[in-house]
Amino acid sequence: MNLRIIYLATADARGHLMRAQLLVHALRNAGAQVTVLTTSVPGQRFLQQFDIEAQVLSEHYAVQFDDRQNMLRKATNRNVAHYLFLPGRMLRDIWQLQRLFRDADIVINDSFHPALIYMGMLPVWRRKVVHIYGTSLKVALLKNFEGMWSRPFARLFGWIVGRQLNAALACIEHDFACAIDDTHAPTLYRLPTPVALATPSSSETEDGAAVYLNPHFSDPALADALTAGLADASVSAHLVGEGYAGFGDWLAVDRLWASRAACAKLIVSAPGMAALSLALVYQKPILLILCDQPEQMANAGQATQLQLLHRIVTWRGDAADFQRQVTEATKQLCAAPVPNSDGSLGLERAQARIDAWVNRLLALKVDHTCQ
């Protein structure tokens, strides 16, 4: 019997959705039946660009950001509280999900959707739930209420969430730089963030920068300063960002962006797991736009520890200052010696990551049957 999978990918940004479309296509190619859910209409449209049709569960749960991708903590906590406790929100989603559970072997939660965290700890459903999340995102989640509540209560919250996650069938933590490690203790697996396979694309980025900013970036001043800074460094730019669609030369979505990034002189993005994985796998320098988003701040710190070829720029509200930061950082990255980048080796690394995920997910049904 083919494995029947429900894959819920939250649409807070686009990293979850990019990972979902990579894995859904790979799982379907391996013979699995996969139904996809997401949490917003824009997220649904994004997945359609990658030939994935998804149902929208509901749009009530979402992390809140400003137009420079800084996390709005109070607004996020208020939104989550409303989702958990107002009638017709989480309970409604659980009602919809429980009907899908009946015909599913595995239900994937990517990442931390409250309805599936709750369902994943209850005996009637928990043996089907698989939580997928970035290591830095889990740390950020558990620390979210520190400073707002008393330390004992914050620790209690972290303990409760940890217990809920551990009650599920399995958890898969991913990180952009970890090795393929399929050991478990007893149901926790660690895998490197999956990366798109680079395909032959136009050569427009070979001497330029492949820029991607997720939809939370929409401040025109930041976009203008970024492009001006790259131009001052004599670097052309291929610009992708839903928040800037129709603004100058920006595209909303480019399904070949990962391929363009793999052959670009430079990658420009916020320090999300997907962008850092691309830089690492395809051996590309990366310019990181750092914002007040806890997990991405942790990712940037890890990039420094690993000595990944990168520079960090920060928007402080001063366009001229940001433009100077971008120009200086770009010149430094373009002047730095780059490791010999063998395209075929990058493809092998990317394929190995995807294969590890598919093998692990397909094996969960077998592991569960043997328990």
Protein backbone atom coordinates (compact mmCIF):
# COMPACT_ATOMS: atom_id res chain seq x y z
CA MET A 1 0.00 0.00 0.00
CA ASN A 2 1.33 3.48 -0.87
CA LEU A 3 2.07 5.77 2.04
CA ARG A 4 -0.72 8.32 2.47
CA ILE A 5 0.56 11.65 3.78
CA ILE A 6 -1.08 14.90 4.85
CA TYR A 7 1.49 17.72 4.68
CA LEU A 8 0.61 20.96 6.52
CA ALA A 9 3.09 23.75 5.71
CA THR A 10 2.59 27.06 7.51
CA ALA A 11 2.82 30.15 5.31
CA ASP A 12 4.39 32.60 7.78
CA ALA A 13 7.24 33.12 5.31
CA ARG A 14 8.25 30.95 2.36
CA GLY A 15 10.89 28.61 3.79
CA HIS A 16 8.28 26.13 5.00
CA LEU A 17 6.53 26.22 1.62
CA MET A 18 9.75 25.81 -0.38
CA ARG A 19 10.69 22.81 1.75
CA ALA A 20 7.16 21.44 1.33
CA GLN A 21 7.19 21.66 -2.46
CA LEU A 22 10.61 19.99 -2.65
CA LEU A 23 9.57 17.12 -0.40
CA VAL A 24 6.06 16.72 -1.81
CA HIS A 25 7.39 16.29 -5.35
CA ALA A 26 10.09 13.88 -4.14
CA LEU A 27 7.63 11.85 -2.06
CA ARG A 28 5.16 11.62 -4.92
CA ASN A 29 7.95 10.47 -7.23
CA ALA A 30 8.69 7.76 -4.67
CA GLY A 31 5.08 6.56 -4.81
CA ALA A 32 3.50 8.32 -1.83
CA GLN A 33 0.09 9.95 -1.97
CA VAL A 34 0.42 13.48 -0.55
CA THR A 35 -2.32 16.00 0.26
CA VAL A 36 -1.03 19.50 1.00
CA LEU A 37 -2.48 22.10 3.36
CA THR A 38 -1.28 25.62 4.10
CA THR A 39 -2.40 28.62 6.14
CA SER A 40 -2.99 31.51 3.73
CA VAL A 41 -4.25 32.24 0.25
CA PRO A 42 -0.93 33.90 -0.75
CA GLY A 43 0.82 30.73 0.44
CA GLN A 44 -1.57 28.67 -1.65
CA ARG A 45 -0.78 30.81 -4.71
CA PHE A 46 2.96 30.48 -4.02
CA LEU A 47 2.73 26.69 -4.02
CA GLN A 48 0.77 26.77 -7.29
CA GLN A 49 3.84 28.36 -8.90
CA PHE A 50 5.63 25.08 -8.14
CA ASP A 51 2.80 22.87 -9.40
CA ILE A 52 1.47 22.08 -5.92
CA GLU A 53 -2.27 22.45 -5.27
CA ALA A 54 -2.94 23.07 -1.57
CA GLN A 55 -6.02 23.53 0.55
CA VAL A 56 -6.14 26.46 2.99
CA LEU A 57 -6.80 25.14 6.49
CA SER A 58 -7.53 28.56 7.97
CA GLU A 59 -5.81 31.94 8.06
CA HIS A 60 -6.20 32.59 11.78
CA TYR A 61 -2.77 31.37 12.89
CA ALA A 62 0.21 33.45 11.74
CA VAL A 63 3.37 35.03 13.11
CA GLN A 64 3.25 38.81 12.74
CA PHE A 65 6.01 40.95 11.15
CA ASP A 66 6.55 44.55 10.09
CA ASP A 67 7.55 45.63 6.58
CA ARG A 68 11.25 44.99 7.27
CA GLN A 69 10.73 41.42 8.53
CA ASN A 70 11.13 42.34 12.20
CA MET A 71 9.01 40.04 14.33
CA LEU A 72 6.19 41.79 16.19
CA ARG A 73 6.21 39.82 19.42
CA LYS A 74 3.16 41.29 21.16
CA ALA A 75 1.05 41.08 18.02
CA THR A 76 2.21 37.49 17.45
CA ASN A 77 1.45 36.43 21.02
CA ARG A 78 -1.97 38.08 20.83
CA ASN A 79 -2.72 36.35 17.55
CA VAL A 80 -1.64 32.95 18.92
CA ALA A 81 -3.73 33.46 22.07
CA HIS A 82 -6.80 34.31 19.99
CA TYR A 83 -6.19 31.26 17.83
CA LEU A 84 -5.93 28.96 20.84
CA PHE A 85 -8.86 30.23 22.87
CA LEU A 86 -11.44 31.90 20.64
CA PRO A 87 -14.24 29.58 19.48
CA GLY A 88 -14.17 28.70 15.83
CA ARG A 89 -10.42 28.91 15.39
CA MET A 90 -8.20 26.06 16.61
CA LEU A 91 -11.19 23.87 17.42
CA ARG A 92 -12.52 24.37 13.90
CA ASP A 93 -9.15 23.43 12.42
CA ILE A 94 -8.95 20.32 14.61
CA TRP A 95 -12.39 19.30 13.39
CA GLN A 96 -11.24 19.62 9.78
CA LEU A 97 -7.96 17.84 10.42
CA GLN A 98 -9.45 14.89 12.28
CA ARG A 99 -11.48 13.99 9.21
CA LEU A 100 -8.29 13.94 7.13
CA PHE A 101 -6.51 11.85 9.77
CA ARG A 102 -8.79 8.88 9.10
CA ASP A 103 -7.28 8.09 5.71
CA ALA A 104 -3.68 9.21 6.43
CA ASP A 105 -0.69 7.16 7.53
CA ILE A 106 1.38 10.23 8.44
CA VAL A 107 0.42 13.86 9.10
CA ILE A 108 3.34 16.28 8.79
CA ASN A 109 3.40 19.52 10.78
CA ASP A 110 5.85 21.97 9.14
CA SER A 111 6.33 23.94 11.41
CA PHE A 112 4.75 24.27 14.85
CA HIS A 113 1.12 24.69 13.86
CA PRO A 114 -0.71 24.70 17.23
CA ALA A 115 -3.56 22.44 16.11
CA LEU A 116 -1.18 19.63 15.17
CA ILE A 117 1.00 20.18 18.23
CA TYR A 118 -2.13 19.62 20.32
CA MET A 119 -3.37 16.66 18.25
CA GLY A 120 0.10 15.15 18.28
CA MET A 121 -0.02 14.58 22.03
CA LEU A 122 -3.42 12.87 22.19
CA PRO A 123 -3.55 9.03 21.99
CA VAL A 124 -6.15 8.94 19.23
CA TRP A 125 -3.97 10.95 16.82
CA ARG A 126 -0.40 11.15 18.07
CA ARG A 127 0.92 8.00 16.36
CA LYS A 128 0.41 9.69 12.99
CA VAL A 129 1.90 13.15 13.63
CA VAL A 130 5.42 14.06 12.50
CA HIS A 131 6.77 17.48 13.47
CA ILE A 132 9.30 19.15 11.15
CA TYR A 133 11.10 22.28 12.32
CA GLY A 134 14.39 24.12 12.20
CA THR A 135 16.58 23.72 15.25
CA SER A 136 16.90 27.50 15.66
CA LEU A 137 13.13 27.93 15.28
CA LYS A 138 12.48 25.49 18.12
CA VAL A 139 14.88 27.40 20.39
CA ALA A 140 13.16 30.67 19.45
CA LEU A 141 9.74 29.19 20.18
CA LEU A 142 10.73 27.90 23.60
CA LYS A 143 12.31 31.23 24.52
CA ASN A 144 9.48 33.32 23.12
CA PHE A 145 7.86 34.15 26.43
CA GLU A 146 11.05 34.78 28.40
CA GLY A 147 11.08 38.39 29.50
CA MET A 148 7.30 38.66 29.19
CA TRP A 149 6.40 36.16 31.88
CA SER A 150 8.18 35.02 35.01
CA ARG A 151 11.07 32.63 34.49
CA PRO A 152 9.30 29.67 36.17
CA PHE A 153 6.24 30.14 33.94
CA ALA A 154 8.41 30.50 30.81
CA ARG A 155 10.24 27.29 31.73
CA LEU A 156 6.91 25.56 32.34
CA PHE A 157 5.71 26.64 28.90
CA GLY A 158 8.89 25.29 27.32
CA TRP A 159 8.51 22.00 29.18
CA ILE A 160 4.87 21.63 28.05
CA VAL A 161 5.70 22.29 24.40
CA GLY A 162 8.65 19.89 24.59
CA ARG A 163 6.42 17.18 26.04
CA GLN A 164 3.81 17.76 23.34
CA LEU A 165 6.39 17.43 20.58
CA ASN A 166 7.95 14.31 22.08
CA ALA A 167 4.56 12.59 22.32
CA ALA A 168 4.17 12.48 18.54
CA LEU A 169 5.25 9.68 16.22
CA ALA A 170 8.47 11.52 15.36
CA CYS A 171 10.23 14.87 15.19
CA ILE A 172 12.65 15.85 12.44
CA GLU A 173 14.91 18.77 13.30
CA HIS A 174 16.74 20.32 10.39
CA ASP A 175 19.70 22.64 10.19
CA PHE A 176 21.46 24.12 7.19
CA ALA A 177 24.87 22.80 8.21
CA CYS A 178 24.28 19.51 10.04
CA ALA A 179 25.39 16.18 8.63
CA ILE A 180 22.95 13.52 7.47
CA ASP A 181 22.35 11.76 10.77
CA ASP A 182 19.49 9.28 10.91
CA THR A 183 20.03 8.23 14.51
CA HIS A 184 17.17 8.84 16.89
CA ALA A 185 16.58 9.12 20.62
CA PRO A 186 14.17 7.40 20.27
CA THR A 187 11.99 9.32 17.77
CA LEU A 188 14.05 12.47 17.14
CA TYR A 189 15.90 12.69 13.84
CA ARG A 190 18.32 15.34 12.60
CA LEU A 191 18.69 16.06 8.90
CA PRO A 192 20.21 18.87 6.83
CA THR A 193 17.74 21.35 5.36
CA PRO A 194 16.66 20.11 1.91
CA VAL A 195 17.97 22.09 -1.06
CA ALA A 196 16.58 22.47 -4.56
CA LEU A 197 18.41 20.78 -7.39
CA ALA A 198 19.96 23.42 -9.63
CA THR A 199 18.86 23.10 -13.24
CA PRO A 200 20.33 24.81 -16.30
CA SER A 201 19.04 28.38 -16.33
CA SER A 202 19.83 31.67 -17.98
CA SER A 203 23.30 33.05 -17.32
CA GLU A 204 21.98 36.41 -16.17
CA THR A 205 23.19 35.90 -12.60
CA GLU A 206 26.66 34.47 -13.29
CA ASP A 207 28.31 37.85 -12.80
CA GLY A 208 25.66 39.23 -10.50
CA ALA A 209 23.61 38.67 -7.38
CA ALA A 210 20.58 36.44 -6.90
CA VAL A 211 18.41 38.35 -4.43
CA TYR A 212 15.48 36.84 -2.55
CA LEU A 213 13.46 38.58 0.16
CA ASN A 214 10.41 36.91 1.65
CA PRO A 215 6.99 38.63 1.59
CA HIS A 216 7.47 40.38 4.94
CA PHE A 217 9.94 42.71 3.25
CA SER A 218 7.90 45.49 1.65
CA ASP A 219 9.55 48.77 2.70
CA PRO A 220 10.46 50.58 -0.57
CA ALA A 221 13.29 52.49 1.12
CA LEU A 222 15.05 49.24 2.03
CA ALA A 223 14.64 47.87 -1.50
CA ASP A 224 16.00 51.07 -3.08
CA ALA A 225 18.99 51.17 -0.73
CA LEU A 226 19.75 47.50 -1.37
CA THR A 227 19.71 47.78 -5.16
CA ALA A 228 21.68 51.04 -5.05
CA GLY A 229 24.30 49.43 -2.82
CA LEU A 230 24.72 46.50 -5.21
CA ALA A 231 24.95 48.89 -8.17
CA ASP A 232 27.63 50.93 -6.37
CA ALA A 233 29.62 47.70 -6.09
CA SER A 234 29.17 47.15 -9.85
CA VAL A 235 27.07 44.02 -9.31
CA SER A 236 23.87 43.43 -11.26
CA ALA A 237 20.91 41.89 -9.45
CA HIS A 238 18.13 39.41 -10.17
CA LEU A 239 15.44 40.55 -7.73
CA VAL A 240 12.71 38.32 -6.29
CA GLY A 241 10.31 39.21 -3.46
CA GLU A 242 6.52 39.05 -3.20
CA GLY A 243 6.46 42.15 -1.01
CA TYR A 244 8.04 44.16 -3.84
CA ALA A 245 6.16 42.67 -6.80
CA GLY A 246 5.78 45.34 -9.48
CA PHE A 247 8.27 47.65 -7.76
CA GLY A 248 11.08 48.39 -10.22
CA ASP A 249 12.58 45.16 -11.55
CA TRP A 250 11.33 42.97 -8.69
CA LEU A 251 9.53 39.70 -9.49
CA ALA A 252 6.99 38.17 -7.12
CA VAL A 253 8.10 34.56 -7.66
CA ASP A 254 10.78 32.89 -9.74
CA ARG A 255 10.56 29.11 -9.70
CA LEU A 256 14.13 28.97 -11.06
CA TRP A 257 15.56 31.25 -8.37
CA ALA A 258 17.44 28.43 -6.62
CA SER A 259 19.11 27.52 -9.91
CA ARG A 260 20.03 31.14 -10.53
CA ALA A 261 21.45 31.36 -7.00
CA ALA A 262 23.53 28.23 -7.60
CA CYS A 263 25.30 29.88 -10.54
CA ALA A 264 25.34 33.46 -9.23
CA LYS A 265 28.38 35.37 -8.12
CA LEU A 266 26.60 36.26 -4.88
CA ILE A 267 23.42 35.34 -2.98
CA VAL A 268 21.52 38.05 -1.09
CA SER A 269 18.84 37.08 1.42
CA ALA A 270 17.79 37.12 5.03
CA PRO A 271 19.52 34.33 7.04
CA GLY A 272 16.84 31.69 6.64
CA MET A 273 17.70 28.00 6.57
CA ALA A 274 16.94 27.65 2.85
CA ALA A 275 19.20 30.49 1.68
CA LEU A 276 22.07 29.43 3.93
CA SER A 277 21.69 25.84 2.73
CA LEU A 278 21.95 26.96 -0.88
CA ALA A 279 25.10 28.95 -0.11
CA LEU A 280 26.67 26.00 1.69
CA VAL A 281 25.72 23.27 -0.77
CA TYR A 282 26.65 25.22 -3.90
CA GLN A 283 29.62 27.01 -2.29
CA LYS A 284 28.43 30.58 -2.87
CA PRO A 285 29.17 33.74 -0.86
CA ILE A 286 26.06 35.18 0.74
CA LEU A 287 25.09 38.65 1.91
CA LEU A 288 22.72 38.36 4.89
CA ILE A 289 20.14 41.02 5.71
CA LEU A 290 19.69 40.66 9.44
CA CYS A 291 16.38 41.57 11.07
CA ASP A 292 14.86 41.21 14.51
CA GLN A 293 13.75 37.62 14.02
CA PRO A 294 15.15 35.30 16.69
CA GLU A 295 15.75 32.13 14.67
CA GLN A 296 17.40 34.02 11.81
CA MET A 297 19.66 35.85 14.23
CA ALA A 298 20.74 32.44 15.53
CA ASN A 299 21.31 31.23 11.96
CA ALA A 300 23.54 34.21 11.24
CA GLY A 301 25.55 33.48 14.36
CA GLN A 302 26.00 29.88 13.26
CA ALA A 303 27.17 31.02 9.82
CA THR A 304 29.88 33.02 11.57
CA GLN A 305 30.93 30.07 13.73
CA LEU A 306 31.15 27.83 10.65
CA GLN A 307 33.19 30.47 8.79
CA LEU A 308 30.76 30.39 5.89
CA LEU A 309 31.77 33.08 3.39
CA HIS A 310 29.26 35.78 4.25
CA ARG A 311 28.74 39.34 5.41
CA ILE A 312 25.91 40.75 7.51
CA VAL A 313 24.12 44.05 6.90
CA THR A 314 21.46 45.56 9.15
CA TRP A 315 18.73 48.08 8.39
CA ARG A 316 18.64 50.80 11.05
CA GLY A 317 16.24 53.17 9.32
CA ASP A 318 19.01 55.10 7.54
CA ALA A 319 18.92 54.37 3.79
CA ALA A 320 22.31 55.95 3.07
CA ASP A 321 23.94 53.92 5.84
CA PHE A 322 22.33 50.70 4.62
CA GLN A 323 23.43 51.42 1.05
CA ARG A 324 27.03 51.89 2.25
CA GLN A 325 26.86 48.64 4.24
CA VAL A 326 25.64 46.74 1.19
CA THR A 327 28.31 48.22 -1.08
CA GLU A 328 31.18 47.51 1.29
CA ALA A 329 29.99 43.99 2.11
CA THR A 330 29.42 43.16 -1.57
CA LYS A 331 32.90 44.35 -2.56
CA GLN A 332 34.43 42.27 0.23
CA LEU A 333 32.55 39.13 -0.79
CA CYS A 334 33.34 39.55 -4.48
CA ALA A 335 37.03 40.08 -3.71
CA ALA A 336 37.32 37.10 -1.36
CA PRO A 337 38.70 33.81 -2.71
CA VAL A 338 35.83 31.41 -3.36
CA PRO A 339 36.23 27.63 -2.96
CA ASN A 340 36.31 25.78 -6.24
CA SER A 341 32.64 25.20 -6.91
CA ASP A 342 31.95 22.03 -8.83
CA GLY A 343 28.35 22.21 -10.03
CA SER A 344 28.00 18.44 -10.18
CA LEU A 345 29.25 18.14 -6.60
CA GLY A 346 26.66 20.66 -5.48
CA LEU A 347 23.95 18.65 -7.23
CA GLU A 348 25.13 15.48 -5.50
CA ARG A 349 24.97 17.20 -2.11
CA ALA A 350 21.49 18.55 -2.81
CA GLN A 351 20.23 15.18 -4.05
CA ALA A 352 21.68 13.43 -0.98
CA ARG A 353 19.74 15.79 1.29
CA ILE A 354 16.44 15.21 -0.48
CA ASP A 355 17.01 11.44 -0.57
CA ALA A 356 17.70 11.40 3.18
CA TRP A 357 14.37 13.15 3.86
CA VAL A 358 12.36 10.88 1.58
CA ASN A 359 13.94 7.73 3.00
CA ARG A 360 13.30 8.87 6.56
CA LEU A 361 9.68 9.82 5.98
CA LEU A 362 8.89 6.64 4.04
CA ALA A 363 10.53 4.55 6.76
CA LEU A 364 8.35 6.05 9.50
CA LYS A 365 5.42 3.86 8.51
CA VAL A 366 7.60 0.76 8.74
CA ASP A 367 9.09 1.89 12.07
CA HIS A 368 5.63 2.58 13.43
CA THR A 369 4.34 -0.85 12.32
CA CYS A 370 7.22 -2.56 14.15
CA GLN A 371 6.53 -0.78 17.44
